[in-house]
């Protein structure tokens, strides 16, 4: 269901539910208020779908690099 179809459904349901208020307003103002309300309600209903991150697109974590044992021996030799 796309955004516009959802908004039109909400708009139709609001018109039937709030038919009593139509008597107090002109038809043009009533339609305008119903349209605004349906936009606000449908925006909350149409939440974006979360995209699944593929293994290839996932950022690679940096691996901890272990110190080489040769570096330790070289430091000990230099200290003597």
N, C-alpha and C. Protein backbone atom coordinates (compact mmCIF):
# COMPACT_ATOMS: atom_id res chain seq x y z
N UNK A 1 0.85 -1.17 0.00
CA UNK A 1 0.00 0.00 0.00
C UNK A 1 0.90 1.24 0.00
N UNK A 2 0.62 2.11 -0.93
CA UNK A 2 1.44 3.31 -1.00
C UNK A 2 0.87 4.40 -0.11
N UNK A 3 1.62 5.46 0.01
CA UNK A 3 1.30 6.53 0.95
C UNK A 3 -0.02 7.23 0.59
N UNK A 4 -0.24 7.47 -0.70
CA UNK A 4 -1.43 8.19 -1.13
C UNK A 4 -2.69 7.35 -0.89
N UNK A 5 -2.62 6.06 -1.17
CA UNK A 5 -3.77 5.19 -0.96
C UNK A 5 -4.14 5.12 0.52
N UNK A 6 -3.12 5.06 1.36
CA UNK A 6 -3.36 5.02 2.80
C UNK A 6 -4.00 6.33 3.27
N UNK A 7 -3.51 7.44 2.77
CA UNK A 7 -4.06 8.74 3.14
C UNK A 7 -5.51 8.86 2.71
N UNK A 8 -5.84 8.36 1.53
CA UNK A 8 -7.22 8.43 1.05
C UNK A 8 -8.15 7.56 1.89
N UNK A 9 -7.65 6.40 2.33
CA UNK A 9 -8.46 5.55 3.19
C UNK A 9 -8.73 6.23 4.53
N UNK A 10 -7.70 6.83 5.11
CA UNK A 10 -7.85 7.53 6.39
C UNK A 10 -8.81 8.70 6.21
N UNK A 11 -8.69 9.40 5.10
CA UNK A 11 -9.56 10.53 4.83
C UNK A 11 -11.02 10.10 4.74
N UNK A 12 -11.29 8.99 4.07
CA UNK A 12 -12.66 8.50 3.94
C UNK A 12 -13.23 8.09 5.30
N UNK A 13 -12.42 7.44 6.12
CA UNK A 13 -12.89 7.01 7.44
C UNK A 13 -13.14 8.20 8.35
N UNK A 14 -12.29 9.23 8.24
CA UNK A 14 -12.50 10.43 9.06
C UNK A 14 -13.77 11.17 8.65
N UNK A 15 -14.05 11.21 7.35
CA UNK A 15 -15.26 11.89 6.87
C UNK A 15 -16.51 11.22 7.42
N UNK A 16 -16.52 9.90 7.45
CA UNK A 16 -17.70 9.20 7.96
C UNK A 16 -17.79 9.33 9.48
N UNK A 17 -16.65 9.31 10.16
CA UNK A 17 -16.66 9.38 11.61
C UNK A 17 -17.02 10.78 12.12
N UNK A 18 -16.63 11.79 11.38
CA UNK A 18 -16.86 13.18 11.82
C UNK A 18 -17.96 13.87 11.01
N UNK A 19 -18.92 13.11 10.53
CA UNK A 19 -19.99 13.67 9.71
C UNK A 19 -20.82 14.70 10.48
N UNK A 20 -20.92 14.55 11.80
CA UNK A 20 -21.69 15.50 12.60
C UNK A 20 -21.08 16.89 12.58
N UNK A 21 -19.76 16.98 12.50
CA UNK A 21 -19.08 18.29 12.49
C UNK A 21 -19.20 19.00 11.15
N UNK A 22 -19.60 18.26 10.12
CA UNK A 22 -19.72 18.85 8.79
C UNK A 22 -20.83 19.90 8.75
N UNK A 23 -21.83 19.74 9.62
CA UNK A 23 -22.96 20.68 9.65
C UNK A 23 -22.51 22.07 10.09
N UNK A 24 -21.52 22.14 10.99
CA UNK A 24 -21.07 23.42 11.51
C UNK A 24 -20.08 24.14 10.62
N UNK A 25 -19.48 23.46 9.68
CA UNK A 25 -18.49 24.06 8.78
C UNK A 25 -18.98 24.02 7.34
N UNK A 26 -18.40 24.86 6.52
CA UNK A 26 -18.71 24.76 5.10
C UNK A 26 -18.02 23.51 4.54
N UNK A 27 -18.50 23.04 3.42
CA UNK A 27 -17.97 21.81 2.83
C UNK A 27 -16.48 21.94 2.50
N UNK A 28 -16.09 23.12 2.01
CA UNK A 28 -14.69 23.34 1.63
C UNK A 28 -13.77 23.29 2.85
N UNK A 29 -14.16 23.96 3.95
CA UNK A 29 -13.34 23.97 5.16
C UNK A 29 -13.27 22.58 5.77
N UNK A 30 -14.41 21.87 5.76
CA UNK A 30 -14.43 20.52 6.32
C UNK A 30 -13.47 19.61 5.57
N UNK A 31 -13.50 19.66 4.25
CA UNK A 31 -12.59 18.83 3.43
C UNK A 31 -11.14 19.18 3.71
N UNK A 32 -10.85 20.48 3.87
CA UNK A 32 -9.48 20.92 4.12
C UNK A 32 -8.97 20.39 5.45
N UNK A 33 -9.80 20.47 6.48
CA UNK A 33 -9.40 19.99 7.80
C UNK A 33 -9.24 18.46 7.81
N UNK A 34 -10.13 17.77 7.11
CA UNK A 34 -10.04 16.31 7.02
C UNK A 34 -8.76 15.91 6.29
N UNK A 35 -8.42 16.63 5.25
CA UNK A 35 -7.21 16.32 4.48
C UNK A 35 -5.96 16.52 5.33
N UNK A 36 -5.91 17.60 6.10
CA UNK A 36 -4.76 17.86 6.97
C UNK A 36 -4.63 16.77 8.03
N UNK A 37 -5.75 16.42 8.63
CA UNK A 37 -5.73 15.39 9.67
C UNK A 37 -5.30 14.04 9.10
N UNK A 38 -5.78 13.71 7.91
CA UNK A 38 -5.40 12.43 7.31
C UNK A 38 -3.92 12.39 6.95
N UNK A 39 -3.36 13.53 6.55
CA UNK A 39 -1.92 13.58 6.27
C UNK A 39 -1.12 13.33 7.54
N UNK A 40 -1.52 13.97 8.63
CA UNK A 40 -0.81 13.78 9.89
C UNK A 40 -0.90 12.34 10.39
N UNK A 41 -2.08 11.76 10.29
CA UNK A 41 -2.25 10.38 10.75
C UNK A 41 -1.52 9.39 9.86
N UNK A 42 -1.58 9.58 8.55
CA UNK A 42 -0.95 8.61 7.65
C UNK A 42 0.57 8.70 7.69
N UNK A 43 1.12 9.88 8.04
CA UNK A 43 2.57 9.99 8.17
C UNK A 43 3.09 9.12 9.29
N UNK A 44 2.33 9.02 10.37
CA UNK A 44 2.72 8.18 11.49
C UNK A 44 2.57 6.70 11.18
N UNK A 45 1.66 6.36 10.29
CA UNK A 45 1.43 4.95 9.95
C UNK A 45 2.44 4.43 8.93
N UNK A 46 2.91 5.31 8.06
CA UNK A 46 3.84 4.89 7.01
C UNK A 46 5.28 5.07 7.48
N UNK A 47 5.71 4.22 8.38
CA UNK A 47 7.09 4.27 8.85
C UNK A 47 7.98 3.58 7.84
N UNK A 48 9.16 4.10 7.60
CA UNK A 48 10.05 3.47 6.62
C UNK A 48 10.48 2.09 7.11
N UNK A 49 10.54 1.16 6.17
CA UNK A 49 10.97 -0.20 6.51
C UNK A 49 12.47 -0.21 6.74
N UNK A 50 12.89 -0.97 7.74
CA UNK A 50 14.32 -1.06 8.02
C UNK A 50 14.97 -1.93 6.95
N UNK A 51 16.05 -1.45 6.43
CA UNK A 51 16.78 -2.18 5.41
C UNK A 51 17.72 -3.18 6.07
N UNK A 52 17.71 -4.38 5.55
CA UNK A 52 18.61 -5.40 6.08
C UNK A 52 20.01 -5.14 5.54
N UNK A 53 20.97 -5.13 6.42
CA UNK A 53 22.35 -4.90 6.02
C UNK A 53 22.95 -6.24 5.61
N UNK A 54 23.43 -6.31 4.39
CA UNK A 54 24.02 -7.55 3.93
C UNK A 54 25.42 -7.70 4.53
N UNK A 55 25.92 -8.91 4.50
CA UNK A 55 27.23 -9.18 5.08
C UNK A 55 28.33 -8.44 4.33
N UNK A 56 28.15 -8.28 3.04
CA UNK A 56 29.17 -7.58 2.24
C UNK A 56 29.16 -6.08 2.53
N UNK A 57 27.99 -5.52 2.74
CA UNK A 57 27.88 -4.08 2.94
C UNK A 57 28.18 -3.68 4.38
N UNK A 58 28.18 -4.65 5.28
CA UNK A 58 28.43 -4.33 6.69
C UNK A 58 29.87 -3.85 6.84
N UNK A 59 30.08 -2.80 7.62
CA UNK A 59 31.44 -2.30 7.80
C UNK A 59 32.29 -3.32 8.56
N UNK A 60 33.47 -3.50 8.08
CA UNK A 60 34.37 -4.47 8.71
C UNK A 60 34.96 -3.87 9.98
N UNK A 61 34.94 -4.65 11.03
CA UNK A 61 35.51 -4.18 12.29
C UNK A 61 37.02 -4.35 12.23
N UNK A 62 37.71 -3.40 12.78
CA UNK A 62 39.17 -3.46 12.80
C UNK A 62 39.60 -4.52 13.81
N UNK A 63 40.44 -5.38 13.37
CA UNK A 63 40.93 -6.44 14.25
C UNK A 63 42.10 -5.89 15.06
N UNK A 64 42.17 -6.32 16.29
CA UNK A 64 43.28 -5.90 17.15
C UNK A 64 44.55 -6.58 16.66
N UNK A 65 45.56 -5.80 16.48
CA UNK A 65 46.83 -6.33 15.98
C UNK A 65 47.71 -6.65 17.19
N UNK A 66 48.10 -7.90 17.27
CA UNK A 66 48.96 -8.32 18.37
C UNK A 66 50.39 -7.88 18.07
N UNK A 67 51.10 -7.52 19.12
CA UNK A 67 52.50 -7.12 18.91
C UNK A 67 53.31 -8.34 18.56
N UNK A 68 54.23 -8.13 17.70
CA UNK A 68 55.08 -9.23 17.26
C UNK A 68 56.09 -9.56 18.37
N UNK A 69 56.36 -10.84 18.59
CA UNK A 69 57.32 -11.22 19.62
C UNK A 69 58.74 -10.74 19.29
N UNK A 70 59.02 -10.53 18.03
CA UNK A 70 60.36 -10.07 17.64
C UNK A 70 60.61 -8.65 18.16
N UNK A 71 59.58 -7.84 18.21
CA UNK A 71 59.74 -6.47 18.67
C UNK A 71 60.14 -6.46 20.14
N UNK A 72 59.60 -7.38 20.93
CA UNK A 72 59.94 -7.45 22.35
C UNK A 72 61.39 -7.85 22.53
N UNK A 73 61.85 -8.80 21.72
CA UNK A 73 63.24 -9.26 21.85
C UNK A 73 64.20 -8.15 21.43
N UNK A 74 63.81 -7.40 20.43
CA UNK A 74 64.67 -6.31 19.98
C UNK A 74 64.76 -5.22 21.04
N UNK A 75 63.68 -4.94 21.76
CA UNK A 75 63.70 -3.94 22.82
C UNK A 75 64.60 -4.40 23.98
N UNK A 76 64.52 -5.69 24.31
CA UNK A 76 65.34 -6.21 25.40
C UNK A 76 66.81 -6.14 25.04
N UNK A 77 67.15 -6.46 23.78
CA UNK A 77 68.52 -6.43 23.33
C UNK A 77 69.04 -5.00 23.32
N UNK A 78 68.20 -4.05 22.95
CA UNK A 78 68.62 -2.65 22.88
C UNK A 78 68.79 -2.07 24.29
N UNK A 79 68.05 -2.59 25.25
CA UNK A 79 68.14 -2.10 26.61
C UNK A 79 69.43 -2.55 27.29
N UNK A 80 70.02 -3.65 26.86
CA UNK A 80 71.23 -4.18 27.50
C UNK A 80 72.42 -3.40 27.13
